[in-house]
Protein backbone atom coordinates (compact mmCIF):
# COMPACT_ATOMS: atom_id res chain seq x y z
CA MET A 1 72.69 105.72 86.87
CA ILE A 2 74.67 104.13 89.69
CA SER A 3 76.40 100.88 88.72
CA LEU A 4 78.49 98.48 90.77
CA ILE A 5 81.19 96.47 88.99
CA ALA A 6 83.02 93.50 90.50
CA ALA A 7 84.50 90.06 89.88
CA ILE A 8 83.26 87.52 92.41
CA GLY A 9 83.69 83.82 93.11
CA LYS A 10 81.04 81.19 93.78
CA ASN A 11 80.66 82.46 97.36
CA ASN A 12 80.82 86.17 96.44
CA GLU A 13 84.55 86.30 97.22
CA LEU A 14 86.23 89.57 96.27
CA GLY A 15 89.59 89.74 97.98
CA LYS A 16 92.07 88.82 100.66
CA ASP A 17 94.48 91.11 102.50
CA ASN A 18 93.39 94.10 100.38
CA THR A 19 94.14 92.40 97.05
CA LEU A 20 91.82 90.81 94.52
CA VAL A 21 91.63 87.03 94.74
CA TRP A 22 90.98 86.74 90.99
CA SER A 23 93.57 87.72 88.39
CA MET A 24 91.87 87.43 85.02
CA PRO A 25 93.20 89.59 82.16
CA ILE A 26 89.86 89.35 80.32
CA ASP A 27 88.06 90.71 83.39
CA LEU A 28 90.50 93.62 83.67
CA LYS A 29 89.81 94.47 80.03
CA TYR A 30 86.05 94.24 80.65
CA PHE A 31 86.44 96.56 83.66
CA ARG A 32 88.50 99.09 81.66
CA ASP A 33 86.07 99.05 78.74
CA LYS A 34 83.01 99.57 80.96
CA THR A 35 84.46 102.29 83.22
CA LYS A 36 86.58 104.30 80.76
CA GLY A 37 85.29 107.85 80.40
CA HIS A 38 83.07 107.55 83.48
CA THR A 39 83.32 108.44 87.15
CA VAL A 40 84.66 105.73 89.46
CA ILE A 41 84.00 105.83 93.20
CA MET A 42 86.08 103.68 95.52
CA GLY A 43 87.18 103.37 99.11
CA ARG A 44 90.63 104.44 100.23
CA LYS A 45 91.93 100.87 100.60
CA THR A 46 90.83 100.02 97.07
CA PHE A 47 92.54 103.15 95.76
CA GLU A 48 95.75 102.33 97.64
CA SER A 49 95.71 98.76 96.29
CA ILE A 50 95.52 100.18 92.75
CA GLY A 51 98.30 102.62 93.59
CA ARG A 52 97.37 105.51 91.30
CA PRO A 53 94.39 107.28 89.77
CA MET A 54 92.68 105.35 87.01
CA PRO A 55 93.32 107.14 83.70
CA ASN A 56 90.51 108.65 81.61
CA ARG A 57 88.10 108.62 84.55
CA GLN A 58 86.99 110.98 87.30
CA ASN A 59 88.35 109.25 90.44
CA ILE A 60 86.55 109.85 93.73
CA ILE A 61 87.97 108.30 96.90
CA ILE A 62 85.88 107.82 100.05
CA THR A 63 87.69 107.81 103.38
CA ARG A 64 86.86 108.54 107.01
CA ASP A 65 90.25 110.28 107.34
CA LYS A 66 89.48 113.99 107.00
CA ASN A 67 93.18 114.75 106.37
CA TYR A 68 93.72 112.16 103.61
CA LYS A 69 95.22 113.55 100.42
CA ALA A 70 96.15 111.91 97.14
CA GLU A 71 97.17 113.43 93.85
CA GLY A 72 94.90 113.24 90.83
CA VAL A 73 91.76 112.24 92.73
CA GLU A 74 88.91 113.88 94.61
CA VAL A 75 88.75 112.88 98.28
CA VAL A 76 85.43 112.85 100.15
CA ASN A 77 84.25 111.52 103.50
CA SER A 78 80.97 109.80 102.58
CA LEU A 79 79.14 108.06 99.77
CA GLU A 80 76.59 110.89 99.74
CA GLU A 81 79.37 113.46 99.26
CA ALA A 82 80.87 111.35 96.45
CA LEU A 83 77.52 111.13 94.66
CA GLY A 84 77.10 114.88 95.07
CA ARG A 85 80.23 115.35 92.96
CA THR A 86 78.73 113.37 90.07
CA GLN A 87 75.72 115.53 89.19
CA GLY A 88 74.92 115.32 85.49
CA LYS A 89 76.99 112.19 84.88
CA GLN A 90 75.25 109.50 82.84
CA GLU A 91 76.71 106.44 84.60
CA ILE A 92 78.75 106.28 87.79
CA PHE A 93 80.69 103.16 88.74
CA ILE A 94 81.22 101.97 92.31
CA ILE A 95 84.37 99.82 92.13
CA GLY A 96 84.89 98.74 95.75
CA GLY A 97 85.76 97.80 98.30
CA ALA A 98 83.36 95.64 100.24
CA GLU A 99 82.17 98.38 102.61
CA ILE A 100 81.45 100.80 99.74
CA TYR A 101 79.61 98.03 97.85
CA LYS A 102 77.55 97.33 100.97
CA GLN A 103 76.67 101.02 101.39
CA SER A 104 75.72 101.49 97.74
CA MET A 105 73.86 98.23 96.96
CA SER A 106 70.49 99.65 98.04
CA ILE A 107 70.79 102.68 95.71
CA ALA A 108 72.39 100.96 92.71
CA ASP A 109 70.53 100.72 89.41
CA ARG A 110 72.78 98.19 87.67
CA LEU A 111 75.38 95.52 88.52
CA TYR A 112 78.18 94.42 86.18
CA ILE A 113 79.36 91.14 87.67
CA THR A 114 82.04 88.78 86.44
CA HIS A 115 81.11 85.45 88.01
CA ILE A 116 84.29 83.40 88.40
CA ASP A 117 83.61 79.66 88.45
CA ALA A 118 85.90 79.04 91.43
CA GLU A 119 86.09 79.37 95.20
CA ASP A 120 88.73 80.95 97.40
CA LYS A 121 88.50 79.58 100.94
CA LYS A 122 91.01 82.18 102.19
CA ALA A 123 89.04 85.21 101.00
CA ASP A 124 88.25 87.75 103.71
CA THR A 125 86.25 90.25 101.64
CA PHE A 126 82.90 89.55 100.00
CA PHE A 127 80.40 91.19 97.65
CA PRO A 128 76.84 91.62 98.99
CA LYS A 129 74.34 88.91 98.11
CA ILE A 130 72.57 89.46 94.76
CA ILE A 131 68.92 88.85 95.62
CA PRO A 132 66.94 87.47 92.63
CA VAL A 133 63.68 89.24 93.55
CA VAL A 134 65.55 92.57 93.52
CA TRP A 135 67.87 92.06 90.53
CA ASN A 136 66.93 90.97 87.00
CA GLU A 137 69.76 89.47 84.93
CA ILE A 138 69.53 91.23 81.54
CA SER A 139 72.76 89.91 80.02
CA HIS A 140 74.62 86.61 80.47
CA GLU A 141 77.80 85.66 78.54
CA GLU A 142 79.51 82.40 79.52
CA HIS A 143 83.18 81.84 78.66
CA LYS A 144 85.60 78.96 79.14
CA LYS A 145 89.02 79.28 80.74
CA ASP A 146 92.00 79.65 78.42
CA ASP A 147 95.78 80.09 78.54
CA LYS A 148 95.52 83.57 80.08
CA ASN A 149 92.36 83.21 82.17
CA PRO A 150 92.55 80.26 84.57
CA PHE A 151 88.82 79.87 85.37
CA ASP A 152 85.53 79.60 83.51
CA TYR A 153 83.66 82.87 83.93
CA THR A 154 80.42 84.64 83.08
CA PHE A 155 79.84 88.32 82.42
CA SER A 156 76.41 89.16 83.85
CA VAL A 157 74.56 92.46 83.92
CA TYR A 158 71.71 92.93 86.37
CA GLU A 159 69.18 95.73 86.62
CA ARG A 160 66.96 96.50 89.56
CA PHE A 161 63.37 95.29 89.04
């Protein structure tokens, strides 16, 4: 199963200047809990923004740079090559960035989306549109902001119809 996981704003905002626009500790915990023990596939810029391999996960980095090297990760040059390294895995997570999300949206089986009830007008990176006739929301958990999480948010899980 191929799953995409992301936190997005009201206008599908993901990031600005290669950093996430949303800093929500509860979303980071959700992300860790969902992806731990699984394969994560990400673009080079996303990997470099994280700064190190994610522990307890198979990390696969996609880059066009055929000479790119990084310790503790597998480096490939296409989404197809990345998926080829995941044979036999139960669930694979695509974790960004925007270009990798765009490439993988048409083959994804499931979306784990944290909907942040806010807008960021300065965002320069966006998640692809979630089309209701393609995606069925199977789980919906609304939460209010608190001392640590500055926005109302909803954890939604979608599966392809």
